[in-house]
C-alpha atoms as a PDB file:
ATOM      1  CA  MET A   1     -25.458  20.208  15.530  1.00  0.00           C
ATOM      2  CA  LYS A   2     -24.579  16.793  15.665  1.00  0.00           C
ATOM      3  CA  LEU A   3     -22.667  17.168  12.492  1.00  0.00           C
ATOM      4  CA  TYR A   4     -20.529  20.102  13.748  1.00  0.00           C
ATOM      5  CA  ILE A   5     -19.631  17.996  16.713  1.00  0.00           C
ATOM      6  CA  LEU A   6     -18.640  15.055  14.546  1.00  0.00           C
ATOM      7  CA  ALA A   7     -16.827  17.354  12.219  1.00  0.00           C
ATOM      8  CA  LEU A   8     -14.938  18.688  15.309  1.00  0.00           C
ATOM      9  CA  PHE A   9     -13.944  15.060  16.484  1.00  0.00           C
ATOM     10  CA  CYS A  10     -12.668  14.264  12.845  1.00  0.00           C
ATOM     11  CA  VAL A  11     -10.526  17.400  12.691  1.00  0.00           C
ATOM     12  CA  CYS A  12      -9.128  16.575  16.277  1.00  0.00           C
ATOM     13  CA  SER A  13      -8.435  12.992  15.174  1.00  0.00           C
ATOM     14  CA  LEU A  14      -6.719  14.361  11.930  1.00  0.00           C
ATOM     15  CA  VAL A  15      -4.532  16.672  14.009  1.00  0.00           C
ATOM     16  CA  LYS A  16      -3.546  13.953  16.332  1.00  0.00           C
ATOM     17  CA  ALA A  17      -2.574  12.019  13.118  1.00  0.00           C
ATOM     18  CA  GLU A  18      -0.438  14.938  11.920  1.00  0.00           C
ATOM     19  CA  GLU A  19       1.372  15.056  15.365  1.00  0.00           C
ATOM     20  CA  ASP A  20       2.138  11.480  14.866  1.00  0.00           C
ATOM     21  CA  GLU A  21       3.617  12.065  11.545  1.00  0.00           C
ATOM     22  CA  ARG A  22       6.909  10.302  10.754  1.00  0.00           C
ATOM     23  CA  LEU A  23       9.103   9.420   7.805  1.00  0.00           C
ATOM     24  CA  PRO A  24       8.962   6.018   6.596  1.00  0.00           C
ATOM     25  CA  ASN A  25      12.028   3.747   7.771  1.00  0.00           C
ATOM     26  CA  LYS A  26      14.084   1.601   5.497  1.00  0.00           C
ATOM     27  CA  CYS A  27      11.961  -1.645   5.954  1.00  0.00           C
ATOM     28  CA  GLU A  28       8.877   0.013   4.872  1.00  0.00           C
ATOM     29  CA  VAL A  29      10.309   1.717   2.113  1.00  0.00           C
ATOM     30  CA  CYS A  30      11.794  -1.705   0.747  1.00  0.00           C
ATOM     31  CA  LYS A  31       8.588  -3.574   1.589  1.00  0.00           C
ATOM     32  CA  PHE A  32       6.473  -1.285  -0.678  1.00  0.00           C
ATOM     33  CA  LEU A  33       9.310  -1.139  -3.312  1.00  0.00           C
ATOM     34  CA  THR A  34       9.086  -4.869  -3.722  1.00  0.00           C
ATOM     35  CA  VAL A  35       5.120  -4.960  -3.715  1.00  0.00           C
ATOM     36  CA  GLU A  36       5.096  -2.532  -6.499  1.00  0.00           C
ATOM     37  CA  LEU A  37       7.741  -4.192  -8.627  1.00  0.00           C
ATOM     38  CA  GLN A  38       6.362  -7.622  -7.959  1.00  0.00           C
ATOM     39  CA  GLU A  39       3.055  -6.440  -9.239  1.00  0.00           C
ATOM     40  CA  ALA A  40       4.288  -4.596 -12.118  1.00  0.00           C
ATOM     41  CA  LEU A  41       5.943  -7.838 -13.394  1.00  0.00           C
ATOM     42  CA  GLU A  42       3.057  -9.977 -12.672  1.00  0.00           C
ATOM     43  CA  LYS A  43       1.218  -7.965 -15.123  1.00  0.00           C
ATOM     44  CA  SER A  44       3.262  -8.800 -17.987  1.00  0.00           C
ATOM     45  CA  SER A  45       3.990 -12.535 -16.805  1.00  0.00           C
ATOM     46  CA  ARG A  46       1.530 -14.139 -19.190  1.00  0.00           C
ATOM     47  CA  SER A  47       2.824 -12.288 -22.337  1.00  0.00           C
ATOM     48  CA  LYS A  48       3.973 -14.796 -25.140  1.00  0.00           C
ATOM     49  CA  GLU A  49       5.778 -12.097 -27.093  1.00  0.00           C
ATOM     50  CA  VAL A  50       9.072 -13.109 -28.539  1.00  0.00           C
ATOM     51  CA  LEU A  51      11.631 -10.514 -29.175  1.00  0.00           C
ATOM     52  CA  GLU A  52      14.437 -10.216 -31.807  1.00  0.00           C
ATOM     53  CA  VAL A  53      17.735  -8.798 -30.866  1.00  0.00           C
ATOM     54  CA  GLY A  54      20.669  -8.083 -32.871  1.00  0.00           C
ATOM     55  CA  GLN A  55      20.857  -7.041 -36.487  1.00  0.00           C
ATOM     56  CA  VAL A  56      21.248  -8.733 -39.708  1.00  0.00           C
ATOM     57  CA  LEU A  57      24.810  -7.967 -40.983  1.00  0.00           C
ATOM     58  CA  ASP A  58      26.497  -8.440 -44.028  1.00  0.00           C
ATOM     59  CA  THR A  59      27.648 -11.829 -42.544  1.00  0.00           C
ATOM     60  CA  GLY A  60      24.015 -13.044 -42.881  1.00  0.00           C
ATOM     61  CA  LYS A  61      23.856 -13.592 -39.097  1.00  0.00           C
ATOM     62  CA  ARG A  62      20.242 -13.864 -38.002  1.00  0.00           C
ATOM     63  CA  LYS A  63      18.615 -12.112 -35.239  1.00  0.00           C
ATOM     64  CA  ARG A  64      18.632 -13.864 -31.910  1.00  0.00           C
ATOM     65  CA  LYS A  65      15.047 -14.433 -30.621  1.00  0.00           C
ATOM     66  CA  ILE A  66      14.269 -14.589 -26.943  1.00  0.00           C
ATOM     67  CA  LYS A  67      10.980 -14.578 -24.891  1.00  0.00           C
ATOM     68  CA  TYR A  68       9.750 -11.448 -23.421  1.00  0.00           C
ATOM     69  CA  ASN A  69       9.176 -13.026 -20.068  1.00  0.00           C
ATOM     70  CA  THR A  70      12.910 -13.641 -19.602  1.00  0.00           C
ATOM     71  CA  SER A  71      14.014 -10.422 -21.219  1.00  0.00           C
ATOM     72  CA  GLU A  72      15.873  -7.451 -19.718  1.00  0.00           C
ATOM     73  CA  THR A  73      13.109  -5.356 -21.869  1.00  0.00           C
ATOM     74  CA  ARG A  74      10.567  -6.554 -19.310  1.00  0.00           C
ATOM     75  CA  LEU A  75      12.575  -5.703 -16.298  1.00  0.00           C
ATOM     76  CA  THR A  76      13.316  -2.338 -17.560  1.00  0.00           C
ATOM     77  CA  GLU A  77       9.847  -1.763 -18.364  1.00  0.00           C
ATOM     78  CA  ALA A  78       8.766  -2.851 -14.967  1.00  0.00           C
ATOM     79  CA  VAL A  79      11.355  -0.786 -12.912  1.00  0.00           C
ATOM     80  CA  ASP A  80      10.781   2.417 -15.078  1.00  0.00           C
ATOM     81  CA  ASN A  81       8.911   4.961 -12.773  1.00  0.00           C
ATOM     82  CA  ILE A  82       8.126   2.169 -10.359  1.00  0.00           C
ATOM     83  CA  CYS A  83       8.676   4.499  -7.326  1.00  0.00           C
ATOM     84  CA  GLU A  84       6.291   6.924  -8.970  1.00  0.00           C
ATOM     85  CA  ARG A  85       3.667   4.393  -7.829  1.00  0.00           C
ATOM     86  CA  ILE A  86       4.288   5.069  -4.344  1.00  0.00           C
ATOM     87  CA  LEU A  87       2.583   8.566  -4.599  1.00  0.00           C
ATOM     88  CA  GLN A  88      -0.747   6.520  -4.886  1.00  0.00           C
ATOM     89  CA  TYR A  89      -0.525   5.669  -1.160  1.00  0.00           C
ATOM     90  CA  SER A  90      -2.025   7.416   1.742  1.00  0.00           C
ATOM     91  CA  VAL A  91      -1.277   7.514   5.252  1.00  0.00           C
ATOM     92  CA  HIS A  92      -3.846   5.640   7.359  1.00  0.00           C
ATOM     93  CA  ALA A  93      -2.873   6.885  10.667  1.00  0.00           C
ATOM     94  CA  GLU A  94      -5.423   4.838  12.761  1.00  0.00           C
ATOM     95  CA  ARG A  95      -3.339   1.623  11.564  1.00  0.00           C
ATOM     96  CA  PRO A  96      -0.202   0.451  13.123  1.00  0.00           C
ATOM     97  CA  GLY A  97       3.359   0.132  11.814  1.00  0.00           C
ATOM     98  CA  SER A  98       3.826  -0.339   7.892  1.00  0.00           C
ATOM     99  CA  LEU A  99       0.074  -0.687   7.604  1.00  0.00           C
ATOM    100  CA  ARG A 100      -0.395   2.894   7.955  1.00  0.00           C
ATOM    101  CA  TYR A 101       0.821   3.150   4.229  1.00  0.00           C
ATOM    102  CA  ALA A 102      -1.935   1.832   1.671  1.00  0.00           C
ATOM    103  CA  LYS A 103      -3.515   2.885  -1.417  1.00  0.00           C
ATOM    104  CA  GLY A 104      -6.951   4.601  -0.812  1.00  0.00           C
ATOM    105  CA  THR A 105      -8.528   7.135   1.284  1.00  0.00           C
ATOM    106  CA  SER A 106      -7.994   6.643   5.056  1.00  0.00           C
ATOM    107  CA  GLN A 107     -10.949   6.351   7.360  1.00  0.00           C
ATOM    108  CA  THR A 108     -10.590   9.959   8.716  1.00  0.00           C
ATOM    109  CA  MET A 109     -10.357  11.621   5.389  1.00  0.00           C
ATOM    110  CA  ALA A 110     -13.255   9.731   3.992  1.00  0.00           C
ATOM    111  CA  THR A 111     -15.520  11.075   6.932  1.00  0.00           C
ATOM    112  CA  LEU A 112     -14.333  14.551   6.426  1.00  0.00           C
ATOM    113  CA  LYS A 113     -15.054  14.419   2.880  1.00  0.00           C
ATOM    114  CA  ASN A 114     -18.478  12.812   3.457  1.00  0.00           C
ATOM    115  CA  LEU A 115     -19.033  15.764   5.991  1.00  0.00           C
ATOM    116  CA  VAL A 116     -18.162  18.481   3.416  1.00  0.00           C
ATOM    117  CA  HIS A 117     -20.539  16.733   0.867  1.00  0.00           C
ATOM    118  CA  LYS A 118     -23.228  17.216   3.360  1.00  0.00           C
ATOM    119  CA  GLY A 119     -22.580  20.802   3.774  1.00  0.00           C
ATOM    120  CA  VAL A 120     -20.433  20.785   6.813  1.00  0.00           C
ATOM    121  CA  LYS A 121     -17.539  23.318   6.812  1.00  0.00           C
ATOM    122  CA  VAL A 122     -14.304  21.561   7.507  1.00  0.00           C
ATOM    123  CA  ASP A 123     -10.982  23.789   7.780  1.00  0.00           C
ATOM    124  CA  LEU A 124      -7.938  21.923   7.366  1.00  0.00           C
ATOM    125  CA  GLY A 125      -5.924  24.841   6.564  1.00  0.00           C
ATOM    126  CA  MET A 126      -5.604  23.987   2.793  1.00  0.00           C
ATOM    127  CA  PRO A 127      -8.034  24.161  -0.206  1.00  0.00           C
ATOM    128  CA  PHE A 128     -10.373  20.969  -0.486  1.00  0.00           C
ATOM    129  CA  GLU A 129      -8.571  20.181  -3.930  1.00  0.00           C
ATOM    130  CA  LEU A 130      -5.373  19.524  -2.250  1.00  0.00           C
ATOM    131  CA  TRP A 131      -6.649  17.053   0.179  1.00  0.00           C
ATOM    132  CA  ASP A 132      -5.635  14.264  -1.865  1.00  0.00           C
ATOM    133  CA  GLU A 133      -2.140  15.285  -2.520  1.00  0.00           C
ATOM    134  CA  PRO A 134       0.649  13.093  -1.543  1.00  0.00           C
ATOM    135  CA  SER A 135       1.749  13.528   2.303  1.00  0.00           C
ATOM    136  CA  VAL A 136       5.285  14.397   3.371  1.00  0.00           C
ATOM    137  CA  GLU A 137       5.386  10.814   4.444  1.00  0.00           C
ATOM    138  CA  VAL A 138       4.601   9.508   1.240  1.00  0.00           C
ATOM    139  CA  SER A 139       6.710  11.861  -0.894  1.00  0.00           C
ATOM    140  CA  ASP A 140       9.650  10.880   1.342  1.00  0.00           C
ATOM    141  CA  MET A 141       9.030   7.189   0.806  1.00  0.00           C
ATOM    142  CA  LYS A 142       9.163   7.924  -3.163  1.00  0.00           C
ATOM    143  CA  LYS A 143      12.582   9.654  -2.472  1.00  0.00           C
ATOM    144  CA  GLN A 144      13.920   6.726  -0.501  1.00  0.00           C
ATOM    145  CA  CYS A 145      12.479   4.228  -2.946  1.00  0.00           C
ATOM    146  CA  GLU A 146      14.358   5.880  -5.933  1.00  0.00           C
ATOM    147  CA  THR A 147      17.832   5.813  -3.845  1.00  0.00           C
ATOM    148  CA  MET A 148      17.276   2.415  -2.899  1.00  0.00           C
ATOM    149  CA  LEU A 149      16.511   1.137  -6.265  1.00  0.00           C
ATOM    150  CA  GLU A 150      19.596   2.850  -7.585  1.00  0.00           C
ATOM    151  CA  GLU A 151      21.690   1.316  -4.906  1.00  0.00           C
ATOM    152  CA  PHE A 152      20.583  -2.204  -5.169  1.00  0.00           C
ATOM    153  CA  GLU A 153      20.005  -2.121  -8.803  1.00  0.00           C
ATOM    154  CA  GLU A 154      22.341  -5.087  -9.681  1.00  0.00           C
ATOM    155  CA  VAL A 155      20.612  -7.082  -6.700  1.00  0.00           C
ATOM    156  CA  VAL A 156      17.221  -6.816  -8.392  1.00  0.00           C
ATOM    157  CA  GLU A 157      18.821  -7.755 -11.808  1.00  0.00           C
ATOM    158  CA  ASP A 158      20.261 -10.736  -9.948  1.00  0.00           C
ATOM    159  CA  TRP A 159      16.856 -11.968  -8.528  1.00  0.00           C
ATOM    160  CA  TYR A 160      15.303 -11.385 -11.912  1.00  0.00           C
ATOM    161  CA  PHE A 161      17.445 -13.337 -13.871  1.00  0.00           C
ATOM    162  CA  HIS A 162      18.552 -16.176 -11.579  1.00  0.00           C
ATOM    163  CA  HIS A 163      16.490 -16.219  -8.326  1.00  0.00           C
ATOM    164  CA  GLN A 164      12.680 -15.636  -9.138  1.00  0.00           C
ATOM    165  CA  ASP A 165      11.901 -18.804  -7.314  1.00  0.00           C
ATOM    166  CA  GLN A 166      12.278 -16.885  -4.058  1.00  0.00           C
ATOM    167  CA  ARG A 167       9.817 -13.762  -3.378  1.00  0.00           C
ATOM    168  CA  LEU A 168      11.439 -10.362  -4.280  1.00  0.00           C
ATOM    169  CA  GLU A 169      10.915  -9.205  -0.643  1.00  0.00           C
ATOM    170  CA  ASN A 170      12.777 -11.982   0.845  1.00  0.00           C
ATOM    171  CA  PHE A 171      15.644 -11.737  -1.733  1.00  0.00           C
ATOM    172  CA  LEU A 172      16.108  -8.000  -1.651  1.00  0.00           C
ATOM    173  CA  CYS A 173      14.815  -6.800   1.825  1.00  0.00           C
ATOM    174  CA  GLU A 174      16.019  -9.781   4.071  1.00  0.00           C
ATOM    175  CA  SER A 175      19.151 -10.879   2.267  1.00  0.00           C
ATOM    176  CA  HIS A 176      20.533  -7.553   0.932  1.00  0.00           C
ATOM    177  CA  VAL A 177      18.935  -4.500   2.275  1.00  0.00           C
ATOM    178  CA  LEU A 178      17.821  -4.945   5.916  1.00  0.00           C
ATOM    179  CA  LYS A 179      19.665  -6.258   8.991  1.00  0.00           C
ATOM    180  CA  THR A 180      17.922  -8.912  10.989  1.00  0.00           C
ATOM    181  CA  SER A 181      16.843  -6.249  13.536  1.00  0.00           C
ATOM    182  CA  GLU A 182      15.221  -3.923  10.690  1.00  0.00           C
ATOM    183  CA  GLN A 183      12.855  -6.564   9.378  1.00  0.00           C
ATOM    184  CA  GLU A 184       9.930  -6.383  11.714  1.00  0.00           C
ATOM    185  CA  CYS A 185       7.546  -4.637   9.200  1.00  0.00           C
ATOM    186  CA  LEU A 186       8.103  -7.493   6.692  1.00  0.00           C
ATOM    187  CA  LYS A 187       5.957  -9.580   9.167  1.00  0.00           C
ATOM    188  CA  GLU A 188       3.052  -7.146   9.117  1.00  0.00           C
ATOM    189  CA  VAL A 189      -0.062  -8.035   7.112  1.00  0.00           C
ATOM    190  CA  TRP A 190      -3.249  -6.104   6.669  1.00  0.00           C
ATOM    191  CA  LYS A 191      -6.187  -8.345   7.770  1.00  0.00           C
ATOM    192  CA  GLY A 192      -8.921  -5.762   7.603  1.00  0.00           C
ATOM    193  CA  ASP A 193     -10.683  -3.744  10.512  1.00  0.00           C
ATOM    194  CA  MET A 194     -11.156  -6.147  13.464  1.00  0.00           C
ATOM    195  CA  GLY A 195     -12.035  -6.376  17.010  1.00  0.00           C
ATOM    196  CA  THR A 196     -13.353  -2.867  18.270  1.00  0.00           C
ATOM    197  CA  LYS A 197     -11.975  -0.922  15.219  1.00  0.00           C
ATOM    198  CA  GLY A 198     -15.686  -0.679  13.434  1.00  0.00           C
ATOM    199  CA  GLY A 199     -15.553  -4.248  12.555  1.00  0.00           C
ATOM    200  CA  VAL A 200     -18.404  -6.769  13.339  1.00  0.00           C
ATOM    201  CA  LYS A 201     -17.264  -9.905  15.108  1.00  0.00           C
ATOM    202  CA  GLU A 202     -17.922 -13.127  13.464  1.00  0.00           C
ATOM    203  CA  SER A 203     -19.854 -15.760  15.040  1.00  0.00           C
ATOM    204  CA  ALA A 204     -17.546 -18.195  16.502  1.00  0.00           C
ATOM    205  CA  SER A 205     -19.268 -21.137  14.476  1.00  0.00           C
ATOM    206  CA  ASP A 206     -21.329 -21.499  11.595  1.00  0.00           C
ATOM    207  CA  SER A 207     -23.292 -24.385  13.425  1.00  0.00           C
ATOM    208  CA  THR A 208     -25.213 -22.267  16.042  1.00  0.00           C
ATOM    209  CA  GLY A 209     -28.268 -22.436  13.895  1.00  0.00           C
ATOM    210  CA  ASP A 210     -31.027 -19.659  13.833  1.00  0.00           C
ATOM    211  CA  GLU A 211     -30.038 -18.404  17.188  1.00  0.00           C
ATOM    212  CA  GLY A 212     -26.682 -17.701  16.298  1.00  0.00           C
ATOM    213  CA  ALA A 213     -27.860 -15.741  13.106  1.00  0.00           C
ATOM    214  CA  ASN A 214     -30.166 -13.793  15.338  1.00  0.00           C
ATOM    215  CA  ASN A 215     -27.509 -12.857  17.696  1.00  0.00           C
ATOM    216  CA  SER A 216     -25.222 -11.774  14.894  1.00  0.00           C
ATOM    217  CA  ALA A 217     -28.104  -9.762  13.298  1.00  0.00           C
ATOM    218  CA  LYS A 218     -28.385  -7.951  16.770  1.00  0.00           C
ATOM    219  CA  GLU A 219     -24.864  -7.249  16.820  1.00  0.00           C
ATOM    220  CA  GLU A 220     -24.770  -5.695  13.608  1.00  0.00           C
ATOM    221  CA  GLU A 221     -27.843  -3.484  14.510  1.00  0.00           C
ATOM    222  CA  LYS A 222     -25.999  -2.348  17.722  1.00  0.00           C
ATOM    223  CA  GLU A 223     -22.814  -1.579  15.760  1.00  0.00           C
ATOM    224  CA  GLU A 224     -24.764   0.479  13.165  1.00  0.00           C
ATOM    225  CA  GLY A 225     -26.426   2.611  16.018  1.00  0.00           C
ATOM    226  CA  LYS A 226     -23.077   3.001  17.690  1.00  0.00           C
ATOM    227  CA  THR A 227     -21.721   6.457  18.078  1.00  0.00           C
ATOM    228  CA  HIS A 228     -17.608   6.427  17.425  1.00  0.00           C
ATOM    229  CA  ASP A 229     -15.428   8.742  19.260  1.00  0.00           C
ATOM    230  CA  ALA A 230     -12.844  10.658  17.666  1.00  0.00           C
ATOM    231  CA  GLY A 231     -10.023   7.816  18.323  1.00  0.00           C
ATOM    232  CA  GLU A 232     -12.004   5.511  16.124  1.00  0.00           C
ATOM    233  CA  LEU A 233     -12.321   7.818  13.157  1.00  0.00           C
END
């Protein structure tokens, strides 16, 4: 009986999240575009490969050698299908602002899947196999990402060849894409579940001795036995 009640709470929470569904704004699109592109470039940043460009002609000219790290080839490979990676994101409706977009399963969906695995029937109006398909929000972000990348392609190239001393987010989003009034999401940083949202409060000081450790343990025991309402799921 408790499982069915919990399932009902979770479904209600998910329905509320769907009611709150909205399309990503320009700030959020630019933020995650730069996150993915920066990450793709960092994966190839340690390559010591040297490329040979040009052809040996009858004149006897030799091919020009350039480092892969500073080559146009590296940028092209990083940009290729970069917006497809946006589809790996999920909507975490329990989080504020741009933090609602993150890779991995949301708290609500994870709880619902756990209930299904325990044998509880959960009806979301779609087959279980489609639960992990990209949402409308994420699909729209991917489309906006492609449009933005095409529009600001030259800006990205300028950053890559001349301004890598600056963060891509600052150079592209703050300096070229967004107005000052549109940059609020760039300040939002995920710090994990804190406060009353399922996180256990840390002790104020590590020097409180055994008494502090015991109090912390009691807090954890209380947290484990706590019943969460639908708003926290």
